[in-house]
Amino acid sequence: MAKRVLGFIGLPKFRWDVIWLPFGPLGASAICLYVDHLSHQKR
C-alpha cells in the first residue's frame, strides 16, 4: 500500500523531468551564445 502511494507521489517529479529534458540543452546553448555575444562586444 505504501509503495503505491509513493509511486503516485513520484509521478509528477518524473513528468517534470521529462518536460525539462528538452530545455536543458537549449538553456545551456543560450547561455553560451550570450557569453559569446558579450565577449564580442568587449572587443
PDB file of N, CA and C in Angstrom:
ATOM      1  N   MET A   1       0.837  -1.217   0.000  1.00  0.00           N
ATOM      2  CA  MET A   1       0.000   0.000   0.000  1.00  0.00           C
ATOM      3  C   MET A   1       0.873   1.269   0.000  1.00  0.00           C
ATOM      4  N   ALA A   2       1.886   1.283   0.862  1.00  0.00           N
ATOM      5  CA  ALA A   2       2.762   2.462   0.945  1.00  0.00           C
ATOM      6  C   ALA A   2       3.511   2.662  -0.370  1.00  0.00           C
ATOM      7  N   LYS A   3       3.907   1.553  -0.999  1.00  0.00           N
ATOM      8  CA  LYS A   3       4.636   1.667  -2.265  1.00  0.00           C
ATOM      9  C   LYS A   3       3.767   2.325  -3.327  1.00  0.00           C
ATOM     10  N   ARG A   4       2.492   2.013  -3.354  1.00  0.00           N
ATOM     11  CA  ARG A   4       1.588   2.616  -4.343  1.00  0.00           C
ATOM     12  C   ARG A   4       1.481   4.121  -4.128  1.00  0.00           C
ATOM     13  N   VAL A   5       1.352   4.538  -2.862  1.00  0.00           N
ATOM     14  CA  VAL A   5       1.236   5.968  -2.549  1.00  0.00           C
ATOM     15  C   VAL A   5       2.521   6.685  -2.962  1.00  0.00           C
ATOM     16  N   LEU A   6       3.665   6.108  -2.630  1.00  0.00           N
ATOM     17  CA  LEU A   6       4.945   6.718  -3.005  1.00  0.00           C
ATOM     18  C   LEU A   6       5.082   6.778  -4.517  1.00  0.00           C
ATOM     19  N   GLY A   7       4.578   5.768  -5.202  1.00  0.00           N
ATOM     20  CA  GLY A   7       4.623   5.755  -6.658  1.00  0.00           C
ATOM     21  C   GLY A   7       3.833   6.913  -7.243  1.00  0.00           C
ATOM     22  N   PHE A   8       2.646   7.153  -6.691  1.00  0.00           N
ATOM     23  CA  PHE A   8       1.824   8.254  -7.199  1.00  0.00           C
ATOM     24  C   PHE A   8       2.456   9.611  -6.880  1.00  0.00           C
ATOM     25  N   ILE A   9       3.115   9.720  -5.726  1.00  0.00           N
ATOM     26  CA  ILE A   9       3.778  10.977  -5.361  1.00  0.00           C
ATOM     27  C   ILE A   9       4.976  11.219  -6.285  1.00  0.00           C
ATOM     28  N   GLY A  10       5.661  10.138  -6.683  1.00  0.00           N
ATOM     29  CA  GLY A  10       6.858  10.257  -7.513  1.00  0.00           C
ATOM     30  C   GLY A  10       6.553  10.584  -8.968  1.00  0.00           C
ATOM     31  N   LEU A  11       5.329  10.349  -9.432  1.00  0.00           N
ATOM     32  CA  LEU A  11       4.995  10.556 -10.844  1.00  0.00           C
ATOM     33  C   LEU A  11       5.155  12.003 -11.313  1.00  0.00           C
ATOM     34  N   PRO A  12       4.630  12.999 -10.589  1.00  0.00           N
ATOM     35  CA  PRO A  12       4.768  14.380 -11.066  1.00  0.00           C
ATOM     36  C   PRO A  12       6.234  14.790 -11.225  1.00  0.00           C
ATOM     37  N   LYS A  13       7.101  14.359 -10.305  1.00  0.00           N
ATOM     38  CA  LYS A  13       8.528  14.668 -10.414  1.00  0.00           C
ATOM     39  C   LYS A  13       9.062  14.119 -11.730  1.00  0.00           C
ATOM     40  N   PHE A  14       8.748  12.884 -12.037  1.00  0.00           N
ATOM     41  CA  PHE A  14       9.227  12.237 -13.278  1.00  0.00           C
ATOM     42  C   PHE A  14       8.729  13.008 -14.487  1.00  0.00           C
ATOM     43  N   ARG A  15       7.464  13.435 -14.454  1.00  0.00           N
ATOM     44  CA  ARG A  15       6.916  14.177 -15.585  1.00  0.00           C
ATOM     45  C   ARG A  15       7.608  15.528 -15.736  1.00  0.00           C
ATOM     46  N   TRP A  16       7.917  16.202 -14.622  1.00  0.00           N
ATOM     47  CA  TRP A  16       8.621  17.477 -14.699  1.00  0.00           C
ATOM     48  C   TRP A  16       9.997  17.273 -15.319  1.00  0.00           C
ATOM     49  N   ASP A  17      10.664  16.172 -14.935  1.00  0.00           N
ATOM     50  CA  ASP A  17      11.975  15.879 -15.509  1.00  0.00           C
ATOM     51  C   ASP A  17      11.864  15.711 -17.020  1.00  0.00           C
ATOM     52  N   VAL A  18      10.834  15.000 -17.461  1.00  0.00           N
ATOM     53  CA  VAL A  18      10.648  14.761 -18.898  1.00  0.00           C
ATOM     54  C   VAL A  18      10.356  16.070 -19.620  1.00  0.00           C
ATOM     55  N   ILE A  19       9.574  16.957 -18.972  1.00  0.00           N
ATOM     56  CA  ILE A  19       9.243  18.253 -19.593  1.00  0.00           C
ATOM     57  C   ILE A  19      10.500  19.105 -19.712  1.00  0.00           C
ATOM     58  N   TRP A  20      11.370  19.057 -18.677  1.00  0.00           N
ATOM     59  CA  TRP A  20      12.553  19.920 -18.672  1.00  0.00           C
ATOM     60  C   TRP A  20      13.698  19.377 -19.508  1.00  0.00           C
ATOM     61  N   LEU A  21      13.656  18.068 -19.872  1.00  0.00           N
ATOM     62  CA  LEU A  21      14.763  17.482 -20.638  1.00  0.00           C
ATOM     63  C   LEU A  21      15.095  18.261 -21.914  1.00  0.00           C
ATOM     64  N   PRO A  22      14.127  18.647 -22.753  1.00  0.00           N
ATOM     65  CA  PRO A  22      14.480  19.385 -23.975  1.00  0.00           C
ATOM     66  C   PRO A  22      15.019  20.786 -23.686  1.00  0.00           C
ATOM     67  N   PHE A  23      14.613  21.376 -22.542  1.00  0.00           N
ATOM     68  CA  PHE A  23      15.006  22.759 -22.249  1.00  0.00           C
ATOM     69  C   PHE A  23      16.411  22.858 -21.672  1.00  0.00           C
ATOM     70  N   GLY A  24      16.967  21.767 -21.164  1.00  0.00           N
ATOM     71  CA  GLY A  24      18.321  21.778 -20.604  1.00  0.00           C
ATOM     72  C   GLY A  24      19.363  22.203 -21.637  1.00  0.00           C
ATOM     73  N   PRO A  25      19.474  21.460 -22.743  1.00  0.00           N
ATOM     74  CA  PRO A  25      20.444  21.831 -23.784  1.00  0.00           C
ATOM     75  C   PRO A  25      20.153  23.202 -24.387  1.00  0.00           C
ATOM     76  N   LEU A  26      18.887  23.560 -24.537  1.00  0.00           N
ATOM     77  CA  LEU A  26      18.529  24.871 -25.095  1.00  0.00           C
ATOM     78  C   LEU A  26      19.021  25.983 -24.184  1.00  0.00           C
ATOM     79  N   GLY A  27      18.820  25.818 -22.876  1.00  0.00           N
ATOM     80  CA  GLY A  27      19.268  26.818 -21.920  1.00  0.00           C
ATOM     81  C   GLY A  27      20.780  26.944 -21.912  1.00  0.00           C
ATOM     82  N   ALA A  28      21.476  25.797 -21.969  1.00  0.00           N
ATOM     83  CA  ALA A  28      22.940  25.807 -21.966  1.00  0.00           C
ATOM     84  C   ALA A  28      23.475  26.510 -23.217  1.00  0.00           C
ATOM     85  N   SER A  29      22.877  26.209 -24.367  1.00  0.00           N
ATOM     86  CA  SER A  29      23.345  26.839 -25.613  1.00  0.00           C
ATOM     87  C   SER A  29      23.029  28.333 -25.607  1.00  0.00           C
ATOM     88  N   ALA A  30      21.893  28.704 -25.021  1.00  0.00           N
ATOM     89  CA  ALA A  30      21.538  30.127 -24.945  1.00  0.00           C
ATOM     90  C   ALA A  30      22.552  30.877 -24.076  1.00  0.00           C
ATOM     91  N   ILE A  31      22.952  30.272 -22.960  1.00  0.00           N
ATOM     92  CA  ILE A  31      23.946  30.904 -22.080  1.00  0.00           C
ATOM     93  C   ILE A  31      25.279  31.040 -22.804  1.00  0.00           C
ATOM     94  N   CYS A  32      25.671  29.992 -23.539  1.00  0.00           N
ATOM     95  CA  CYS A  32      26.932  30.034 -24.292  1.00  0.00           C
ATOM     96  C   CYS A  32      26.893  31.141 -25.349  1.00  0.00           C
ATOM     97  N   LEU A  33      25.771  31.249 -26.051  1.00  0.00           N
ATOM     98  CA  LEU A  33      25.643  32.282 -27.080  1.00  0.00           C
ATOM     99  C   LEU A  33      25.683  33.673 -26.459  1.00  0.00           C
ATOM    100  N   TYR A  34      25.054  33.820 -25.283  1.00  0.00           N
ATOM    101  CA  TYR A  34      25.028  35.115 -24.606  1.00  0.00           C
ATOM    102  C   TYR A  34      26.433  35.522 -24.166  1.00  0.00           C
ATOM    103  N   VAL A  35      27.176  34.572 -23.598  1.00  0.00           N
ATOM    104  CA  VAL A  35      28.551  34.855 -23.163  1.00  0.00           C
ATOM    105  C   VAL A  35      29.417  35.191 -24.378  1.00  0.00           C
ATOM    106  N   ASP A  36      29.209  34.459 -25.474  1.00  0.00           N
ATOM    107  CA  ASP A  36      29.952  34.731 -26.705  1.00  0.00           C
ATOM    108  C   ASP A  36      29.634  36.135 -27.216  1.00  0.00           C
ATOM    109  N   HIS A  37      28.363  36.499 -27.157  1.00  0.00           N
ATOM    110  CA  HIS A  37      27.918  37.833 -27.581  1.00  0.00           C
ATOM    111  C   HIS A  37      28.582  38.917 -26.734  1.00  0.00           C
ATOM    112  N   LEU A  38      28.638  38.709 -25.413  1.00  0.00           N
ATOM    113  CA  LEU A  38      29.263  39.674 -24.524  1.00  0.00           C
ATOM    114  C   LEU A  38      30.761  39.793 -24.802  1.00  0.00           C
ATOM    115  N   SER A  39      31.415  38.682 -25.064  1.00  0.00           N
ATOM    116  CA  SER A  39      32.856  38.723 -25.324  1.00  0.00           C
ATOM    117  C   SER A  39      33.159  39.441 -26.640  1.00  0.00           C
ATOM    118  N   HIS A  40      32.261  39.342 -27.614  1.00  0.00           N
ATOM    119  CA  HIS A  40      32.462  40.043 -28.886  1.00  0.00           C
ATOM    120  C   HIS A  40      32.210  41.548 -28.736  1.00  0.00           C
ATOM    121  N   GLN A  41      31.327  41.911 -27.803  1.00  0.00           N
ATOM    122  CA  GLN A  41      31.037  43.336 -27.597  1.00  0.00           C
ATOM    123  C   GLN A  41      32.242  44.056 -26.982  1.00  0.00           C
ATOM    124  N   LYS A  42      33.011  43.358 -26.143  1.00  0.00           N
ATOM    125  CA  LYS A  42      34.131  43.996 -25.447  1.00  0.00           C
ATOM    126  C   LYS A  42      35.265  44.351 -26.412  1.00  0.00           C
ATOM    127  N   ARG A  43      35.350  43.638 -27.542  1.00  0.00           N
ATOM    128  CA  ARG A  43      36.479  43.887 -28.459  1.00  0.00           C
ATOM    129  C   ARG A  43      36.386  45.207 -29.144  1.00  0.00           C
TER     130      ARG A  43
END
